């Protein structure tokens, strides 16, 4: 029983509510240190206020109203990957750490991808089904050997790396595309880097996807992608359903362009579409992470994280902001979302694979512990760009895993602004540098510099940047193009190096730019055109 530091009296042990089943090893760990109550049935409304931590899986919904009643709650542990059933924002406002177990299913997911790869190469499910029905058809189900073939891996994150290692052991040549993994990591794995997804399409006999789902990757495998691939290519997707245009895949399978596909995930689940009608398709119902070992691992991991949170230690899998000193947080607070936006913007503008990220604090801000700003910038830089949930705790780990050097700088003086945050990304190409500040009592986030220009515009979820020759009529021409496309420009700022030199036009838009508008702008003679989503 712990002792109160002020009174010296013995205090009750923290109480942990285990709402859904976890591994016995996880329960044992918690019981060694805390009072544990396993209660799947009582009304949470009535009992949640009596506990310091709660462990759930996916069935328990912890919304803002319920969290508000949890007066003692310090840690929420989700024994699994996602935290969709937890209102993380409400928990963060209450100072409650939310932790999950993101690594628990990595091995299971990788092994399932390999199982699908082997199944689609050797027609295992089809031959099995035929033989069960009494048909002995050896020639019909002849497959291909994997040894000596080229496997294209789209996404070399935690699961993609596991797949690549195992594929190399099967004698496959592995080519991978991931702009957020340093070239050194490719060499360490024995994997050949591809500059673009298109390079993978042209080179691979088999392709497996391990990417996050975002605006850039949605329907990545579409008609154009399939057209670039080798005839007879085989596709495996055990990552995200939305990565594949299912209609285009059906067409490619029926035409013979794609010899086979193995799918564990679909755009809409449960799936009941035309892919199920094709003999060349192997399907499983989202089973990649569903092994007893993965579930046991998740229980033990989350028990360790809950214990760390209750004992004041680092919660390595926390998905919300870690606790910082109140004095620092009061000053840094408004600049944390700014740093995250700048990190996301700098990485998007760099385009190429980042090798180094530098986060600088200028002005009185630099007198405080700015490590949280660096973590926030990394969180923004990797958000929706790697194959795992990114948070303020694991962002530095993700950078290290990908061989990206991270550093922070502090400068007492700040030109033009009282405080300034700058994020610089050194990439395989030219890289990028952006800066920003916080304005007014509402803590509005403003961009102060980008693409080598000083600029003054409020950051928004959707932004566009155009670099061009400083000539009359350009602003009007741009406004006309956007107006004709029905896209409203909310704010705009213009900067130039000198009269008649180069200029930057930055603006925010109220709705996404349709592809036709992007193509029209890009074909209009600008030096550089960027449409960027900041979330």
Protein backbone atom coordinates (compact mmCIF):
# COMPACT_ATOMS: atom_id res chain seq x y z
CA UNK A 1 0.00 0.00 0.00
CA UNK A 2 1.54 3.39 -1.03
CA UNK A 3 2.27 6.11 1.49
CA UNK A 4 1.00 9.69 1.26
CA UNK A 5 4.09 11.93 0.96
CA UNK A 6 2.57 14.75 2.98
CA UNK A 7 0.91 12.90 5.87
CA UNK A 8 2.94 9.70 6.01
CA UNK A 9 -0.33 7.76 6.26
CA UNK A 10 -0.95 4.58 4.30
CA UNK A 11 -3.35 5.14 1.38
CA UNK A 12 -5.58 2.78 -0.57
CA UNK A 13 -4.12 1.25 -3.71
CA UNK A 14 -5.33 2.70 -7.03
CA UNK A 15 -8.36 0.86 -8.40
CA UNK A 16 -8.46 -0.55 -11.93
CA UNK A 17 -11.68 -1.58 -13.64
CA UNK A 18 -11.24 -4.30 -16.28
CA UNK A 19 -14.38 -4.00 -18.36
CA UNK A 20 -13.57 -6.54 -21.09
CA UNK A 21 -11.43 -9.71 -21.09
CA UNK A 22 -7.65 -9.40 -21.38
CA UNK A 23 -4.83 -11.93 -21.13
CA UNK A 24 -4.31 -13.53 -17.74
CA UNK A 25 -0.71 -12.29 -17.77
CA UNK A 26 -2.02 -8.73 -18.03
CA UNK A 27 -4.45 -9.25 -15.18
CA UNK A 28 -1.70 -10.73 -13.02
CA UNK A 29 0.54 -7.72 -13.63
CA UNK A 30 -2.21 -5.31 -12.63
CA UNK A 31 -3.18 -7.33 -9.55
CA UNK A 32 0.38 -7.25 -8.26
CA UNK A 33 0.26 -3.45 -8.02
CA UNK A 34 -3.35 -2.34 -7.83
CA UNK A 35 -6.82 -3.29 -6.70
CA UNK A 36 -8.40 -4.85 -9.77
CA UNK A 37 -12.12 -5.30 -10.35
CA UNK A 38 -13.26 -7.38 -13.32
CA UNK A 39 -16.82 -6.24 -13.99
CA UNK A 40 -18.30 -6.50 -17.50
CA UNK A 41 -21.93 -6.07 -16.44
CA UNK A 42 -22.51 -3.19 -14.00
CA UNK A 43 -23.68 0.18 -15.27
CA UNK A 44 -20.59 2.25 -16.08
CA UNK A 45 -22.53 5.41 -15.25
CA UNK A 46 -22.85 4.17 -11.68
CA UNK A 47 -19.34 2.83 -11.04
CA UNK A 48 -16.80 4.62 -13.24
CA UNK A 49 -16.32 7.39 -10.67
CA UNK A 50 -14.82 4.85 -8.25
CA UNK A 51 -11.81 3.92 -10.40
CA UNK A 52 -8.38 5.37 -11.23
CA UNK A 53 -8.02 3.42 -14.48
CA UNK A 54 -10.20 1.42 -16.85
CA UNK A 55 -9.23 -1.26 -19.37
CA UNK A 56 -11.50 -1.81 -22.38
CA UNK A 57 -11.49 -3.41 -25.80
CA UNK A 58 -13.80 -2.28 -28.62
CA UNK A 59 -17.25 -2.98 -27.15
CA UNK A 60 -17.13 -0.39 -24.35
CA UNK A 61 -17.90 3.17 -25.45
CA UNK A 62 -16.31 5.91 -23.35
CA UNK A 63 -17.92 9.14 -24.52
CA UNK A 64 -17.52 12.65 -23.15
CA UNK A 65 -20.54 12.35 -20.86
CA UNK A 66 -19.22 9.17 -19.26
CA UNK A 67 -15.70 10.55 -18.94
CA UNK A 68 -17.10 13.62 -17.20
CA UNK A 69 -18.41 11.32 -14.46
CA UNK A 70 -15.00 9.67 -13.96
CA UNK A 71 -13.74 12.03 -11.26
CA UNK A 72 -10.78 9.80 -10.26
CA UNK A 73 -9.85 8.45 -13.68
CA UNK A 74 -6.22 8.93 -14.68
CA UNK A 75 -5.70 6.28 -17.39
CA UNK A 76 -7.86 4.67 -20.07
CA UNK A 77 -6.31 1.55 -21.55
CA UNK A 78 -7.58 0.20 -24.88
CA UNK A 79 -6.39 -3.39 -25.37
CA UNK A 80 -6.08 -3.08 -29.14
CA UNK A 81 -4.97 -0.72 -31.88
CA UNK A 82 -7.82 1.71 -32.49
CA UNK A 83 -9.33 4.12 -29.98
CA UNK A 84 -12.48 4.98 -31.92
CA UNK A 85 -14.61 3.97 -28.95
CA UNK A 86 -12.92 6.54 -26.68
CA UNK A 87 -13.49 10.30 -26.80
CA UNK A 88 -9.79 11.15 -26.71
CA UNK A 89 -10.39 14.92 -26.76
CA UNK A 90 -12.67 14.72 -23.72
CA UNK A 91 -10.13 12.57 -21.90
CA UNK A 92 -7.31 14.97 -22.76
CA UNK A 93 -9.27 17.95 -21.45
CA UNK A 94 -9.65 16.07 -18.17
CA UNK A 95 -5.96 15.20 -18.05
CA UNK A 96 -6.63 11.48 -18.57
CA UNK A 97 -4.00 9.50 -20.44
CA UNK A 98 -5.42 7.32 -23.22
CA UNK A 99 -3.18 4.40 -24.20
CA UNK A 100 -3.53 1.61 -26.73
CA UNK A 101 -1.49 -1.38 -27.93
CA UNK A 102 -0.45 -0.48 -31.49
CA UNK A 103 2.29 -3.09 -31.85
CA UNK A 104 0.18 -6.00 -30.65
CA UNK A 105 -1.04 -7.07 -34.08
CA UNK A 106 2.02 -6.28 -36.22
CA UNK A 107 3.30 -9.86 -36.44
CA UNK A 108 -0.18 -11.30 -36.96
CA UNK A 109 -0.96 -8.78 -39.72
CA UNK A 110 2.34 -9.46 -41.48
CA UNK A 111 1.87 -13.22 -41.31
CA UNK A 112 -1.65 -12.91 -42.66
CA UNK A 113 -0.39 -10.84 -45.58
CA UNK A 114 2.16 -13.56 -46.34
CA UNK A 115 -0.54 -16.22 -46.06
CA UNK A 116 -2.63 -14.33 -48.59
CA UNK A 117 0.40 -13.91 -50.83
CA UNK A 118 1.06 -17.65 -50.85
CA UNK A 119 -2.63 -18.43 -51.29
CA UNK A 120 -3.05 -16.19 -54.32
CA UNK A 121 0.20 -17.45 -55.86
CA UNK A 122 -0.73 -21.13 -55.54
CA UNK A 123 -4.56 -20.94 -55.76
CA UNK A 124 -4.84 -22.75 -52.43
CA UNK A 125 -8.43 -21.78 -51.47
CA UNK A 126 -9.79 -22.47 -54.96
CA UNK A 127 -8.14 -25.90 -55.16
CA UNK A 128 -9.33 -26.71 -51.64
CA UNK A 129 -12.93 -25.79 -52.48
CA UNK A 130 -12.88 -27.78 -55.72
CA UNK A 131 -11.47 -30.89 -54.09
CA UNK A 132 -14.06 -30.68 -51.31
CA UNK A 133 -16.67 -30.83 -54.04
CA UNK A 134 -15.06 -33.93 -55.56
CA UNK A 135 -13.09 -32.31 -58.41
CA UNK A 136 -9.44 -33.37 -58.80
CA UNK A 137 -8.16 -30.57 -61.10
CA UNK A 138 -4.41 -30.26 -60.85
CA UNK A 139 -3.81 -28.38 -64.10
CA UNK A 140 -6.59 -25.88 -63.48
CA UNK A 141 -5.04 -24.64 -60.25
CA UNK A 142 -1.37 -24.60 -61.21
CA UNK A 143 0.19 -21.49 -59.65
CA UNK A 144 3.52 -19.66 -59.68
CA UNK A 145 6.65 -19.96 -57.57
CA UNK A 146 7.51 -17.01 -55.38
CA UNK A 147 11.27 -17.60 -55.42
CA UNK A 148 12.93 -15.30 -57.89
CA UNK A 149 9.85 -13.11 -58.34
CA UNK A 150 9.72 -9.41 -57.42
CA UNK A 151 7.46 -8.35 -54.56
CA UNK A 152 6.46 -4.69 -54.49
CA UNK A 153 5.76 -3.41 -50.97
CA UNK A 154 3.83 -0.15 -50.78
CA UNK A 155 4.52 1.15 -47.27
CA UNK A 156 7.56 0.06 -45.27
CA UNK A 157 6.28 0.77 -41.78
CA UNK A 158 6.06 -1.65 -38.87
CA UNK A 159 3.97 -4.23 -40.77
CA UNK A 160 5.55 -3.63 -44.17
CA UNK A 161 9.02 -4.26 -42.71
CA UNK A 162 7.87 -7.55 -41.20
CA UNK A 163 6.43 -8.63 -44.55
CA UNK A 164 9.62 -7.63 -46.38
CA UNK A 165 11.86 -9.62 -44.02
CA UNK A 166 9.74 -12.75 -44.41
CA UNK A 167 9.47 -12.32 -48.17
CA UNK A 168 13.26 -12.13 -48.49
CA UNK A 169 13.41 -15.43 -46.63
CA UNK A 170 11.16 -16.96 -49.30
CA UNK A 171 13.62 -15.95 -51.99
CA UNK A 172 11.69 -12.97 -53.31
CA UNK A 173 13.35 -9.81 -54.51
CA UNK A 174 11.69 -6.96 -52.60
CA UNK A 175 11.19 -3.45 -53.95
CA UNK A 176 9.43 -0.96 -51.69
CA UNK A 177 8.04 2.56 -51.80
CA UNK A 178 7.83 4.64 -48.65
CA UNK A 179 8.84 8.33 -48.74
CA UNK A 180 9.02 8.45 -44.95
CA UNK A 181 11.72 5.83 -44.50
CA UNK A 182 15.38 6.78 -44.84
CA UNK A 183 17.44 5.02 -47.49
CA UNK A 184 19.66 3.55 -44.75
CA UNK A 185 16.68 1.54 -43.48
CA UNK A 186 16.12 0.07 -46.94
CA UNK A 187 19.76 -1.02 -47.07
CA UNK A 188 19.60 -2.53 -43.59
CA UNK A 189 16.57 -4.60 -44.59
CA UNK A 190 18.02 -5.65 -47.95
CA UNK A 191 15.11 -3.97 -49.73
CA UNK A 192 15.47 -1.93 -52.92
CA UNK A 193 13.94 1.58 -52.70
CA UNK A 194 11.52 2.81 -55.36
CA UNK A 195 11.22 6.53 -56.03
CA UNK A 196 7.50 6.42 -56.80
CA UNK A 197 4.58 3.98 -56.58
CA UNK A 198 4.66 3.87 -60.37
CA UNK A 199 8.16 2.38 -60.22
CA UNK A 200 6.76 -0.43 -58.08
CA UNK A 201 3.87 -1.01 -60.48
CA UNK A 202 6.22 -1.44 -63.43
CA UNK A 203 8.70 -3.69 -61.62
CA UNK A 204 6.66 -6.06 -59.44
CA UNK A 205 5.19 -9.48 -60.12
CA UNK A 206 3.24 -9.26 -56.86
CA UNK A 207 2.20 -6.16 -54.89
CA UNK A 208 1.23 -5.91 -51.23
CA UNK A 209 -0.14 -2.77 -49.58
CA UNK A 210 0.78 -1.51 -46.10
CA UNK A 211 -0.06 2.18 -46.29
CA UNK A 212 -2.26 4.46 -44.18
CA UNK A 213 -5.52 5.61 -45.72
CA UNK A 214 -5.57 9.34 -46.44
CA UNK A 215 -6.39 11.75 -49.23
CA UNK A 216 -3.19 10.85 -51.07
CA UNK A 217 -3.58 7.07 -50.85
CA UNK A 218 -7.34 6.62 -51.25
CA UNK A 219 -7.95 4.51 -54.39
CA UNK A 220 -4.20 4.44 -54.97
CA UNK A 221 -4.63 1.29 -57.05
CA UNK A 222 -6.98 2.63 -59.72
CA UNK A 223 -7.34 2.06 -63.45
CA UNK A 224 -4.22 4.09 -64.24
CA UNK A 225 -2.19 2.14 -61.68
CA UNK A 226 -3.33 -1.23 -63.00
CA UNK A 227 -2.51 -0.13 -66.56
CA UNK A 228 1.12 0.46 -65.54
CA UNK A 229 1.51 -2.96 -63.95
CA UNK A 230 2.89 -6.10 -65.53
CA UNK A 231 0.40 -8.44 -67.14
CA UNK A 232 -0.51 -11.20 -64.69
CA UNK A 233 0.35 -9.23 -61.56
CA UNK A 234 -1.11 -10.41 -58.24
CA UNK A 235 -2.39 -8.00 -55.57
CA UNK A 236 -2.56 -8.43 -51.78
CA UNK A 237 -4.33 -5.96 -49.49
CA UNK A 238 -4.47 -6.62 -45.76
CA UNK A 239 -4.09 -2.95 -44.81
CA UNK A 240 -7.00 -0.58 -45.62
CA UNK A 241 -9.95 -1.25 -47.91
CA UNK A 242 -9.99 2.23 -49.40
CA UNK A 243 -6.50 1.85 -50.87
CA UNK A 244 -7.91 -0.12 -53.81
CA UNK A 245 -10.52 1.07 -56.30
CA UNK A 246 -12.62 -2.08 -56.14
CA UNK A 247 -14.43 -1.38 -59.41
CA UNK A 248 -11.13 -0.94 -61.23
CA UNK A 249 -9.82 -4.14 -59.65
CA UNK A 250 -12.84 -6.10 -60.88
CA UNK A 251 -12.20 -4.81 -64.41
CA UNK A 252 -8.50 -5.67 -64.22
CA UNK A 253 -9.27 -9.19 -63.00
CA UNK A 254 -11.86 -9.83 -65.67
CA UNK A 255 -9.51 -8.60 -68.40
CA UNK A 256 -6.67 -10.78 -67.14
CA UNK A 257 -4.38 -7.81 -66.44
CA UNK A 258 -4.45 -8.87 -62.80
CA UNK A 259 -4.09 -12.64 -62.44
CA UNK A 260 -5.29 -12.76 -58.87
CA UNK A 261 -6.05 -10.73 -55.76
CA UNK A 262 -6.11 -11.59 -52.08
CA UNK A 263 -8.07 -9.20 -49.88
CA UNK A 264 -8.67 -9.00 -46.15
CA UNK A 265 -10.14 -5.49 -46.13
CA UNK A 266 -12.77 -3.70 -48.19
CA UNK A 267 -14.12 -0.21 -48.73
CA UNK A 268 -17.36 -1.16 -46.99
CA UNK A 269 -17.51 -3.98 -44.47
CA UNK A 270 -19.09 -6.49 -44.28
CA UNK A 271 -18.41 -6.81 -48.02
CA UNK A 272 -20.86 -8.44 -50.45
CA UNK A 273 -19.81 -7.07 -53.84
CA UNK A 274 -18.71 -8.49 -57.20
CA UNK A 275 -15.20 -9.45 -56.06
CA UNK A 276 -16.78 -12.44 -54.33
CA UNK A 277 -18.00 -13.73 -57.69
CA UNK A 278 -14.51 -14.00 -59.23
CA UNK A 279 -12.59 -17.27 -58.98
CA UNK A 280 -9.24 -15.42 -59.04
CA UNK A 281 -9.99 -13.63 -55.75
CA UNK A 282 -9.06 -14.90 -52.29
CA UNK A 283 -10.92 -13.17 -49.46
CA UNK A 284 -10.92 -13.18 -45.67
CA UNK A 285 -13.18 -11.13 -43.36
CA UNK A 286 -10.69 -8.62 -41.87
CA UNK A 287 -8.71 -11.28 -40.00
CA UNK A 288 -5.17 -9.84 -40.17
CA UNK A 289 -4.87 -9.02 -36.48
CA UNK A 290 -7.16 -11.77 -35.22
CA UNK A 291 -4.90 -14.31 -33.53
CA UNK A 292 -4.95 -15.48 -29.95
CA UNK A 293 -1.32 -14.39 -29.59
CA UNK A 294 -2.12 -10.87 -30.78
CA UNK A 295 -5.04 -10.59 -28.38
CA UNK A 296 -2.93 -11.88 -25.48
CA UNK A 297 -0.12 -9.51 -26.42
CA UNK A 298 -2.54 -6.58 -26.48
CA UNK A 299 -3.73 -7.41 -22.97
CA UNK A 300 -0.23 -7.55 -21.55
CA UNK A 301 0.92 -4.39 -23.34
CA UNK A 302 -2.06 -2.38 -22.13
CA UNK A 303 -1.59 -3.64 -18.56
CA UNK A 304 2.00 -2.40 -18.67
CA UNK A 305 0.90 0.99 -20.01
CA UNK A 306 -1.87 1.39 -17.42
CA UNK A 307 0.61 0.57 -14.66
CA UNK A 308 3.06 3.13 -16.03
CA UNK A 309 0.36 5.80 -16.14
CA UNK A 310 -0.82 5.17 -12.58
CA UNK A 311 2.76 5.16 -11.29
CA UNK A 312 3.72 8.42 -12.99
CA UNK A 313 6.04 6.86 -15.57
CA UNK A 314 6.22 7.39 -19.32
CA UNK A 315 3.23 5.91 -21.13
CA UNK A 316 4.88 4.89 -24.38
CA UNK A 317 1.66 4.19 -26.28
CA UNK A 318 -0.31 7.24 -25.12
CA UNK A 319 -2.39 8.68 -27.95
CA UNK A 320 -2.89 12.11 -26.39
CA UNK A 321 -0.63 14.85 -25.11
CA UNK A 322 1.76 13.75 -22.34
CA UNK A 323 1.71 15.59 -19.04
CA UNK A 324 4.04 18.60 -18.86
CA UNK A 325 4.78 21.14 -16.17
CA UNK A 326 1.82 23.53 -15.78
CA UNK A 327 4.04 26.62 -16.13
CA UNK A 328 5.48 25.38 -19.41
CA UNK A 329 2.13 24.21 -20.72
CA UNK A 330 0.57 27.61 -20.07
CA UNK A 331 3.13 29.22 -22.40
CA UNK A 332 3.58 26.39 -24.88
CA UNK A 333 -0.08 25.42 -25.13
CA UNK A 334 -1.09 27.69 -28.05
CA UNK A 335 2.09 26.80 -29.97
CA UNK A 336 1.58 23.01 -29.79
CA UNK A 337 -1.10 22.89 -32.52
CA UNK A 338 0.94 25.46 -34.48
CA UNK A 339 4.01 23.21 -34.43
CA UNK A 340 1.89 20.24 -35.52
CA UNK A 341 0.46 22.19 -38.48
CA UNK A 342 3.91 23.45 -39.46
CA UNK A 343 5.34 19.94 -39.31
CA UNK A 344 2.60 18.66 -41.55
CA UNK A 345 3.01 21.57 -43.97
CA UNK A 346 6.82 21.37 -44.12
CA UNK A 347 6.72 17.65 -44.88
CA UNK A 348 4.07 18.09 -47.55
CA UNK A 349 6.03 20.89 -49.21
CA UNK A 350 9.26 18.90 -49.12
CA UNK A 351 7.58 16.05 -51.07
CA UNK A 352 10.74 13.95 -51.08
CA UNK A 353 11.81 11.48 -48.39
CA UNK A 354 12.72 13.49 -45.22
CA UNK A 355 16.20 12.91 -43.82
CA UNK A 356 16.35 15.58 -41.11
CA UNK A 357 13.73 17.64 -39.26
CA UNK A 358 14.77 20.72 -37.26
CA UNK A 359 12.31 22.52 -34.99
CA UNK A 360 13.32 26.00 -33.80
CA UNK A 361 11.75 28.24 -31.17
CA UNK A 362 12.46 31.97 -31.45
CA UNK A 363 11.80 34.67 -28.87
CA UNK A 364 10.74 34.30 -25.20
CA UNK A 365 9.25 30.93 -26.13
CA UNK A 366 12.79 29.58 -26.35
CA UNK A 367 13.27 30.03 -22.59
CA UNK A 368 10.92 27.12 -21.91
CA UNK A 369 11.26 23.38 -22.37
CA UNK A 370 10.40 23.21 -26.07
CA UNK A 371 10.69 19.46 -26.51
CA UNK A 372 6.92 19.26 -26.66
CA UNK A 373 6.96 21.55 -29.70
CA UNK A 374 9.40 19.19 -31.41
CA UNK A 375 7.20 16.20 -30.65
CA UNK A 376 4.16 18.12 -31.92
CA UNK A 377 5.95 18.96 -35.17
CA UNK A 378 6.86 15.28 -35.67
CA UNK A 379 3.29 14.30 -34.88
CA UNK A 380 2.12 16.59 -37.65
CA UNK A 381 4.83 15.50 -40.06
CA UNK A 382 3.88 11.81 -39.85
CA UNK A 383 0.11 12.16 -39.43
CA UNK A 384 -1.71 10.04 -42.05
CA UNK A 385 1.63 9.33 -43.74
CA UNK A 386 2.77 6.17 -41.96
CA UNK A 387 1.00 2.86 -41.43
CA UNK A 388 0.23 3.34 -37.75
CA UNK A 389 -1.45 5.72 -35.38
CA UNK A 390 0.88 8.65 -34.62
CA UNK A 391 0.83 10.49 -31.31
CA UNK A 392 2.89 12.87 -29.23
CA UNK A 393 4.73 10.00 -27.59
CA UNK A 394 5.55 7.66 -30.45
CA UNK A 395 6.34 10.29 -33.10
CA UNK A 396 10.05 10.44 -32.07
CA UNK A 397 10.21 6.63 -32.15
CA UNK A 398 8.74 6.61 -35.65
CA UNK A 399 11.39 9.13 -36.75
CA UNK A 400 14.16 7.00 -35.27
CA UNK A 401 12.82 3.82 -36.88
CA UNK A 402 12.87 5.53 -40.24
CA UNK A 403 16.37 6.92 -39.82
CA UNK A 404 15.22 10.55 -39.74
CA UNK A 405 17.50 12.84 -37.71
CA UNK A 406 15.59 15.18 -35.40
CA UNK A 407 17.00 18.23 -33.63
CA UNK A 408 15.69 21.33 -31.93
CA UNK A 409 17.10 24.81 -31.64
CA UNK A 410 16.37 27.83 -29.48
CA UNK A 411 16.98 31.43 -30.39
CA UNK A 412 16.39 34.25 -27.93
CA UNK A 413 15.62 36.79 -30.66
CA UNK A 414 12.74 36.63 -33.10
CA UNK A 415 12.59 38.88 -36.13
CA UNK A 416 9.20 40.51 -36.86
CA UNK A 417 7.28 38.47 -34.25
CA UNK A 418 7.43 38.16 -30.46
CA UNK A 419 7.52 34.36 -30.73
CA UNK A 420 8.10 32.23 -33.80
CA UNK A 421 8.22 28.49 -34.47
CA UNK A 422 10.19 27.28 -37.48
CA UNK A 423 10.21 23.75 -38.93
CA UNK A 424 12.84 22.81 -41.52
CA UNK A 425 12.82 19.51 -43.40
CA UNK A 426 15.93 18.33 -45.19
CA UNK A 427 14.93 15.78 -47.81
CA UNK A 428 16.48 13.77 -50.62
CA UNK A 429 15.42 16.67 -52.82
CA UNK A 430 15.49 20.34 -51.85
CA UNK A 431 13.50 20.06 -48.64
CA UNK A 432 11.45 22.91 -47.20
CA UNK A 433 11.23 25.39 -44.34
CA UNK A 434 8.11 26.97 -42.87
CA UNK A 435 7.51 29.23 -39.89
CA UNK A 436 4.53 30.53 -37.98
CA UNK A 437 3.23 32.28 -34.92
CA UNK A 438 0.14 32.59 -32.73
CA UNK A 439 -1.96 35.77 -32.90
CA UNK A 440 -4.49 37.28 -30.51
CA UNK A 441 -6.41 36.02 -27.49
CA UNK A 442 -8.10 33.41 -29.67
CA UNK A 443 -4.66 31.91 -30.39
CA UNK A 444 -5.12 32.00 -34.17
CA UNK A 445 -2.41 30.10 -36.04
CA UNK A 446 -0.62 32.14 -38.70
CA UNK A 447 1.90 31.13 -41.33
CA UNK A 448 4.88 33.52 -41.40
CA UNK A 449 7.10 31.93 -44.04
CA UNK A 450 7.04 29.22 -46.71
CA UNK A 451 8.84 28.28 -49.92
CA UNK A 452 11.48 30.96 -49.31
CA UNK A 453 8.97 33.82 -48.94
CA UNK A 454 7.73 35.84 -45.98
CA UNK A 455 3.95 35.53 -45.85
CA UNK A 456 1.17 36.40 -43.42
CA UNK A 457 -1.92 34.21 -43.61
CA UNK A 458 -3.97 32.21 -41.15
CA UNK A 459 -3.47 28.46 -41.43
CA UNK A 460 -6.55 26.54 -42.56
CA UNK A 461 -7.50 22.90 -43.21
CA UNK A 462 -7.14 23.31 -47.00
CA UNK A 463 -4.49 25.55 -48.52
CA UNK A 464 -2.89 26.25 -51.88
CA UNK A 465 0.51 27.75 -52.71
CA UNK A 466 1.46 29.13 -56.12
CA UNK A 467 4.91 30.43 -57.10
CA UNK A 468 5.03 32.57 -60.24
CA UNK A 469 6.58 35.55 -62.04
CA UNK A 470 5.37 38.82 -60.50
CA UNK A 471 3.24 40.10 -63.39
CA UNK A 472 -0.08 41.99 -63.53
CA UNK A 473 -3.29 39.98 -63.77
CA UNK A 474 -2.18 36.75 -62.12
CA UNK A 475 -4.36 37.12 -59.02
CA UNK A 476 -7.43 37.82 -61.14
CA UNK A 477 -6.70 34.84 -63.36
CA UNK A 478 -6.40 32.55 -60.35
CA UNK A 479 -9.61 33.90 -58.84
CA UNK A 480 -11.44 33.27 -62.10
CA UNK A 481 -10.25 29.65 -62.29
CA UNK A 482 -11.35 28.91 -58.75
CA UNK A 483 -14.66 30.74 -59.20
CA UNK A 484 -15.48 28.80 -62.35
CA UNK A 485 -14.73 25.57 -60.48
CA UNK A 486 -17.07 26.59 -57.64
CA UNK A 487 -14.28 26.66 -55.06
CA UNK A 488 -14.40 29.64 -52.69
CA UNK A 489 -11.15 31.33 -51.69
CA UNK A 490 -11.51 32.20 -47.99
CA UNK A 491 -8.26 34.09 -47.41
CA UNK A 492 -5.33 35.11 -49.58
CA UNK A 493 -1.88 36.63 -49.09
CA UNK A 494 0.80 37.52 -51.62
CA UNK A 495 4.54 37.97 -51.15
CA UNK A 496 7.37 38.70 -53.56
CA UNK A 497 11.15 38.88 -53.53
CA UNK A 498 11.22 42.14 -55.50
CA UNK A 499 9.14 43.99 -58.05
CA UNK A 500 9.05 41.92 -61.21
CA UNK A 501 10.74 38.98 -59.50
CA UNK A 502 9.23 35.80 -58.13
CA UNK A 503 6.05 35.90 -56.05
CA UNK A 504 4.15 33.54 -53.75
CA UNK A 505 0.38 33.43 -53.57
CA UNK A 506 -0.97 31.54 -50.56
CA UNK A 507 -4.65 31.08 -49.89
CA UNK A 508 -7.12 28.92 -48.03
CA UNK A 509 -10.16 27.37 -49.70
CA UNK A 510 -13.48 26.28 -48.24
CA UNK A 511 -13.74 22.98 -50.10
CA UNK A 512 -11.33 20.52 -51.71
CA UNK A 513 -10.12 21.49 -55.17
CA UNK A 514 -11.48 19.02 -57.75
CA UNK A 515 -8.83 17.25 -59.86
CA UNK A 516 -9.83 19.21 -62.96
CA UNK A 517 -9.10 22.50 -61.17
CA UNK A 518 -5.74 21.25 -59.91
CA UNK A 519 -4.81 20.17 -63.43
CA UNK A 520 -5.92 23.49 -64.87
CA UNK A 521 -3.87 25.50 -62.38
CA UNK A 522 -0.81 23.29 -62.85
CA UNK A 523 -1.04 23.77 -66.61
CA UNK A 524 -1.24 27.58 -66.33
CA UNK A 525 2.46 28.37 -66.30
CA UNK A 526 3.20 28.62 -62.56
CA UNK A 527 6.68 27.68 -61.31
CA UNK A 528 5.25 25.65 -58.45
CA UNK A 529 1.70 24.62 -57.50
CA UNK A 530 0.83 22.91 -54.22
CA UNK A 531 -2.60 21.93 -52.90
CA UNK A 532 -2.20 20.78 -49.30
CA UNK A 533 -4.57 19.42 -46.65
CA UNK A 534 -3.63 20.26 -43.06
CA UNK A 535 -6.51 18.30 -41.52
